[in-house]
């Protein structure tokens, strides 16, 4: 185009050469714009590739974390179940212990009552006939006499 415009008449030649320079300038601007966009697109493509590989890594890490989280949750649930079972066993043991203590208390009361009854029967044998209808012991006068004698013996022993 440049050669053709130079071969024309001078008045047309100047106008055509000016337009040609303008077109060349526009062409150069468009080429640089194209390079810039192509460079941006290649950078974007590289960026997208990096992000995709990063996303794949993130997904892998996420799946790994999810697996660990599920295992931890499962262990936590198992521990909770063991604690519940332990508490149930503890309640049963406590109930059994309370029952045993109540039985022991009743037995103790029975033994104390029996002890009191035997003590009363041995201490005051003449009252035995009130319970049995028979009189097999000493009367109160004989018991008091024996006590008095025992006390005198103690006093004599203390003097020596």
C-alpha atoms as a PDB file:
ATOM      1  CA  UNK A   1       0.000   0.000   0.000  1.00  0.00           C
ATOM      2  CA  UNK A   2       2.814   2.314   0.791  1.00  0.00           C
ATOM      3  CA  UNK A   3       4.393   1.758  -2.623  1.00  0.00           C
ATOM      4  CA  UNK A   4       1.150   2.360  -4.436  1.00  0.00           C
ATOM      5  CA  UNK A   5       0.493   5.612  -2.545  1.00  0.00           C
ATOM      6  CA  UNK A   6       3.978   6.931  -3.396  1.00  0.00           C
ATOM      7  CA  UNK A   7       3.500   6.280  -7.053  1.00  0.00           C
ATOM      8  CA  UNK A   8       0.378   8.442  -7.266  1.00  0.00           C
ATOM      9  CA  UNK A   9       0.100  12.173  -7.904  1.00  0.00           C
ATOM     10  CA  UNK A  10       1.505  14.424  -5.175  1.00  0.00           C
ATOM     11  CA  UNK A  11      -1.789  15.983  -4.063  1.00  0.00           C
ATOM     12  CA  UNK A  12      -3.457  12.519  -3.580  1.00  0.00           C
ATOM     13  CA  UNK A  13      -0.210  11.023  -2.402  1.00  0.00           C
ATOM     14  CA  UNK A  14       0.017  13.243   0.701  1.00  0.00           C
ATOM     15  CA  UNK A  15      -3.549  12.434   1.792  1.00  0.00           C
ATOM     16  CA  UNK A  16      -3.108   8.694   1.253  1.00  0.00           C
ATOM     17  CA  UNK A  17       0.249   8.594   3.047  1.00  0.00           C
ATOM     18  CA  UNK A  18      -1.290  10.417   6.044  1.00  0.00           C
ATOM     19  CA  UNK A  19      -4.127   7.908   6.144  1.00  0.00           C
ATOM     20  CA  UNK A  20      -1.650   5.063   5.770  1.00  0.00           C
ATOM     21  CA  UNK A  21       0.390   6.334   8.731  1.00  0.00           C
ATOM     22  CA  UNK A  22      -2.816   6.591  10.728  1.00  0.00           C
ATOM     23  CA  UNK A  23      -3.768   3.021   9.799  1.00  0.00           C
ATOM     24  CA  UNK A  24      -0.300   1.748  10.681  1.00  0.00           C
ATOM     25  CA  UNK A  25      -0.495   3.515  14.037  1.00  0.00           C
ATOM     26  CA  UNK A  26      -3.915   1.962  14.674  1.00  0.00           C
ATOM     27  CA  UNK A  27      -2.543  -1.440  13.636  1.00  0.00           C
ATOM     28  CA  UNK A  28       0.402  -1.118  16.034  1.00  0.00           C
ATOM     29  CA  UNK A  29      -1.946  -0.044  18.845  1.00  0.00           C
ATOM     30  CA  UNK A  30      -4.173  -3.045  18.157  1.00  0.00           C
ATOM     31  CA  UNK A  31      -1.181  -5.392  18.089  1.00  0.00           C
ATOM     32  CA  UNK A  32       0.095  -4.120  21.429  1.00  0.00           C
ATOM     33  CA  UNK A  33      -3.454  -4.360  22.846  1.00  0.00           C
ATOM     34  CA  UNK A  34      -3.659  -7.942  21.560  1.00  0.00           C
ATOM     35  CA  UNK A  35      -0.311  -8.831  23.149  1.00  0.00           C
ATOM     36  CA  UNK A  36      -1.365  -7.287  26.424  1.00  0.00           C
ATOM     37  CA  UNK A  37      -4.657  -9.213  26.432  1.00  0.00           C
ATOM     38  CA  UNK A  38      -2.982 -12.419  25.355  1.00  0.00           C
ATOM     39  CA  UNK A  39      -0.417 -11.982  28.090  1.00  0.00           C
ATOM     40  CA  UNK A  40      -3.189 -11.322  30.615  1.00  0.00           C
ATOM     41  CA  UNK A  41      -5.064 -14.389  29.376  1.00  0.00           C
ATOM     42  CA  UNK A  42      -1.956 -16.552  29.652  1.00  0.00           C
ATOM     43  CA  UNK A  43      -1.387 -15.156  33.142  1.00  0.00           C
ATOM     44  CA  UNK A  44      -5.031 -15.858  33.927  1.00  0.00           C
ATOM     45  CA  UNK A  45      -4.683 -19.384  32.549  1.00  0.00           C
ATOM     46  CA  UNK A  46      -1.559 -19.928  34.625  1.00  0.00           C
ATOM     47  CA  UNK A  47      -3.345 -18.477  37.609  1.00  0.00           C
ATOM     48  CA  UNK A  48      -6.349 -20.727  37.000  1.00  0.00           C
ATOM     49  CA  UNK A  49      -4.035 -23.741  36.714  1.00  0.00           C
ATOM     50  CA  UNK A  50      -2.417 -22.840  40.013  1.00  0.00           C
ATOM     51  CA  UNK A  51      -5.761 -22.287  41.659  1.00  0.00           C
ATOM     52  CA  UNK A  52      -7.119 -25.569  40.324  1.00  0.00           C
ATOM     53  CA  UNK A  53      -4.112 -27.473  41.623  1.00  0.00           C
ATOM     54  CA  UNK A  54      -4.448 -25.561  44.881  1.00  0.00           C
ATOM     55  CA  UNK A  55      -8.116 -26.457  44.980  1.00  0.00           C
ATOM     56  CA  UNK A  56      -7.232 -30.092  44.394  1.00  0.00           C
ATOM     57  CA  UNK A  57      -4.746 -29.885  47.265  1.00  0.00           C
ATOM     58  CA  UNK A  58      -7.321 -28.099  49.395  1.00  0.00           C
ATOM     59  CA  UNK A  59      -9.913 -30.755  48.561  1.00  0.00           C
ATOM     60  CA  UNK A  60      -7.413 -33.465  49.441  1.00  0.00           C
ATOM     61  CA  UNK A  61      -6.593 -31.720  52.705  1.00  0.00           C
ATOM     62  CA  UNK A  62     -10.286 -31.153  53.333  1.00  0.00           C
ATOM     63  CA  UNK A  63     -11.068 -34.844  52.769  1.00  0.00           C
ATOM     64  CA  UNK A  64      -8.184 -35.779  55.054  1.00  0.00           C
ATOM     65  CA  UNK A  65      -9.421 -33.413  57.748  1.00  0.00           C
ATOM     66  CA  UNK A  66     -12.966 -34.710  57.335  1.00  0.00           C
ATOM     67  CA  UNK A  67     -11.715 -38.287  57.838  1.00  0.00           C
ATOM     68  CA  UNK A  68      -9.842 -37.317  61.005  1.00  0.00           C
ATOM     69  CA  UNK A  69     -12.865 -35.392  62.250  1.00  0.00           C
ATOM     70  CA  UNK A  70     -15.135 -38.396  61.693  1.00  0.00           C
ATOM     71  CA  UNK A  71     -12.700 -40.677  63.539  1.00  0.00           C
ATOM     72  CA  UNK A  72     -12.527 -38.207  66.429  1.00  0.00           C
ATOM     73  CA  UNK A  73     -16.307 -37.963  66.547  1.00  0.00           C
ATOM     74  CA  UNK A  74     -16.597 -41.752  66.587  1.00  0.00           C
ATOM     75  CA  UNK A  75     -14.088 -42.022  69.446  1.00  0.00           C
ATOM     76  CA  UNK A  76     -15.940 -39.293  71.334  1.00  0.00           C
ATOM     77  CA  UNK A  77     -19.237 -41.152  70.923  1.00  0.00           C
ATOM     78  CA  UNK A  78     -17.635 -44.405  72.124  1.00  0.00           C
ATOM     79  CA  UNK A  79     -16.231 -42.602  75.162  1.00  0.00           C
ATOM     80  CA  UNK A  80     -19.645 -41.120  75.906  1.00  0.00           C
ATOM     81  CA  UNK A  81     -21.190 -44.590  75.730  1.00  0.00           C
ATOM     82  CA  UNK A  82     -18.557 -45.960  78.132  1.00  0.00           C
ATOM     83  CA  UNK A  83     -19.228 -43.086  80.548  1.00  0.00           C
ATOM     84  CA  UNK A  84     -22.986 -43.761  80.415  1.00  0.00           C
ATOM     85  CA  UNK A  85     -22.373 -47.468  81.092  1.00  0.00           C
ATOM     86  CA  UNK A  86     -20.048 -46.610  83.985  1.00  0.00           C
ATOM     87  CA  UNK A  87     -22.652 -44.304  85.499  1.00  0.00           C
ATOM     88  CA  UNK A  88     -25.303 -47.014  85.210  1.00  0.00           C
ATOM     89  CA  UNK A  89     -23.000 -49.507  86.928  1.00  0.00           C
ATOM     90  CA  UNK A  90     -22.218 -46.923  89.615  1.00  0.00           C
ATOM     91  CA  UNK A  91     -25.938 -46.357  90.298  1.00  0.00           C
ATOM     92  CA  UNK A  92     -26.555 -50.113  90.542  1.00  0.00           C
ATOM     93  CA  UNK A  93     -23.608 -50.519  92.921  1.00  0.00           C
ATOM     94  CA  UNK A  94     -24.801 -47.610  95.038  1.00  0.00           C
ATOM     95  CA  UNK A  95     -28.310 -49.071  95.260  1.00  0.00           C
ATOM     96  CA  UNK A  96     -26.862 -52.449  96.279  1.00  0.00           C
ATOM     97  CA  UNK A  97     -24.671 -50.765  98.906  1.00  0.00           C
ATOM     98  CA  UNK A  98     -27.657 -48.886 100.354  1.00  0.00           C
ATOM     99  CA  UNK A  99     -29.651 -52.132 100.507  1.00  0.00           C
ATOM    100  CA  UNK A 100     -26.795 -53.923 102.292  1.00  0.00           C
ATOM    101  CA  UNK A 101     -26.419 -51.063 104.789  1.00  0.00           C
ATOM    102  CA  UNK A 102     -30.142 -51.157 105.536  1.00  0.00           C
ATOM    103  CA  UNK A 103     -29.984 -54.925 106.135  1.00  0.00           C
ATOM    104  CA  UNK A 104     -26.954 -54.480 108.401  1.00  0.00           C
ATOM    105  CA  UNK A 105     -28.759 -51.730 110.336  1.00  0.00           C
ATOM    106  CA  UNK A 106     -31.772 -54.001 110.869  1.00  0.00           C
ATOM    107  CA  UNK A 107     -29.499 -56.839 112.012  1.00  0.00           C
ATOM    108  CA  UNK A 108     -27.685 -54.482 114.379  1.00  0.00           C
ATOM    109  CA  UNK A 109     -30.975 -53.358 115.882  1.00  0.00           C
ATOM    110  CA  UNK A 110     -32.012 -56.982 116.347  1.00  0.00           C
ATOM    111  CA  UNK A 111     -28.688 -57.823 118.024  1.00  0.00           C
ATOM    112  CA  UNK A 112     -28.894 -54.773 120.302  1.00  0.00           C
ATOM    113  CA  UNK A 113     -32.422 -55.687 121.293  1.00  0.00           C
ATOM    114  CA  UNK A 114     -31.372 -59.299 121.961  1.00  0.00           C
ATOM    115  CA  UNK A 115     -28.367 -58.063 123.966  1.00  0.00           C
ATOM    116  CA  UNK A 116     -30.577 -55.782 126.049  1.00  0.00           C
ATOM    117  CA  UNK A 117     -32.999 -58.643 126.696  1.00  0.00           C
ATOM    118  CA  UNK A 118     -30.208 -61.033 127.767  1.00  0.00           C
ATOM    119  CA  UNK A 119     -28.602 -58.346 129.927  1.00  0.00           C
ATOM    120  CA  UNK A 120     -31.886 -57.661 131.671  1.00  0.00           C
ATOM    121  CA  UNK A 121     -32.499 -61.360 132.256  1.00  0.00           C
ATOM    122  CA  UNK A 122     -28.993 -61.883 133.669  1.00  0.00           C
ATOM    123  CA  UNK A 123     -28.990 -58.727 135.745  1.00  0.00           C
ATOM    124  CA  UNK A 124     -32.298 -59.326 137.388  1.00  0.00           C
ATOM    125  CA  UNK A 125     -32.955 -63.082 137.376  1.00  0.00           C
ATOM    126  CA  UNK A 126     -36.032 -62.846 139.566  1.00  0.00           C
ATOM    127  CA  UNK A 127     -37.814 -60.959 136.775  1.00  0.00           C
ATOM    128  CA  UNK A 128     -37.375 -64.029 134.590  1.00  0.00           C
ATOM    129  CA  UNK A 129     -40.547 -65.443 136.057  1.00  0.00           C
ATOM    130  CA  UNK A 130     -42.444 -62.489 134.591  1.00  0.00           C
ATOM    131  CA  UNK A 131     -41.408 -63.604 131.092  1.00  0.00           C
ATOM    132  CA  UNK A 132     -41.594 -67.377 131.548  1.00  0.00           C
ATOM    133  CA  UNK A 133     -43.946 -67.805 134.470  1.00  0.00           C
ATOM    134  CA  UNK A 134     -41.226 -69.710 136.376  1.00  0.00           C
ATOM    135  CA  UNK A 135     -38.993 -68.460 139.140  1.00  0.00           C
ATOM    136  CA  UNK A 136     -35.495 -69.918 138.880  1.00  0.00           C
ATOM    137  CA  UNK A 137     -33.290 -67.130 140.123  1.00  0.00           C
ATOM    138  CA  UNK A 138     -32.468 -65.422 143.371  1.00  0.00           C
ATOM    139  CA  UNK A 139     -34.747 -62.868 144.867  1.00  0.00           C
ATOM    140  CA  UNK A 140     -33.789 -59.225 145.138  1.00  0.00           C
ATOM    141  CA  UNK A 141     -32.673 -59.537 148.757  1.00  0.00           C
ATOM    142  CA  UNK A 142     -30.171 -62.306 147.953  1.00  0.00           C
ATOM    143  CA  UNK A 143     -28.786 -60.359 145.003  1.00  0.00           C
ATOM    144  CA  UNK A 144     -28.275 -57.231 147.145  1.00  0.00           C
ATOM    145  CA  UNK A 145     -26.530 -59.311 149.826  1.00  0.00           C
ATOM    146  CA  UNK A 146     -24.113 -60.777 147.268  1.00  0.00           C
ATOM    147  CA  UNK A 147     -23.324 -57.312 145.953  1.00  0.00           C
ATOM    148  CA  UNK A 148     -22.635 -56.016 149.416  1.00  0.00           C
ATOM    149  CA  UNK A 149     -20.260 -58.924 150.090  1.00  0.00           C
ATOM    150  CA  UNK A 150     -18.413 -58.366 146.824  1.00  0.00           C
ATOM    151  CA  UNK A 151     -17.949 -54.680 147.632  1.00  0.00           C
ATOM    152  CA  UNK A 152     -16.584 -55.569 151.104  1.00  0.00           C
ATOM    153  CA  UNK A 153     -14.091 -57.980 149.519  1.00  0.00           C
ATOM    154  CA  UNK A 154     -12.922 -55.238 147.155  1.00  0.00           C
ATOM    155  CA  UNK A 155     -12.456 -52.809 150.037  1.00  0.00           C
ATOM    156  CA  UNK A 156     -10.403 -55.349 151.968  1.00  0.00           C
ATOM    157  CA  UNK A 157      -8.223 -56.073 148.946  1.00  0.00           C
ATOM    158  CA  UNK A 158      -7.601 -52.359 148.532  1.00  0.00           C
ATOM    159  CA  UNK A 159      -6.355 -52.085 152.076  1.00  0.00           C
ATOM    160  CA  UNK A 160      -3.630 -54.621 151.501  1.00  0.00           C
END
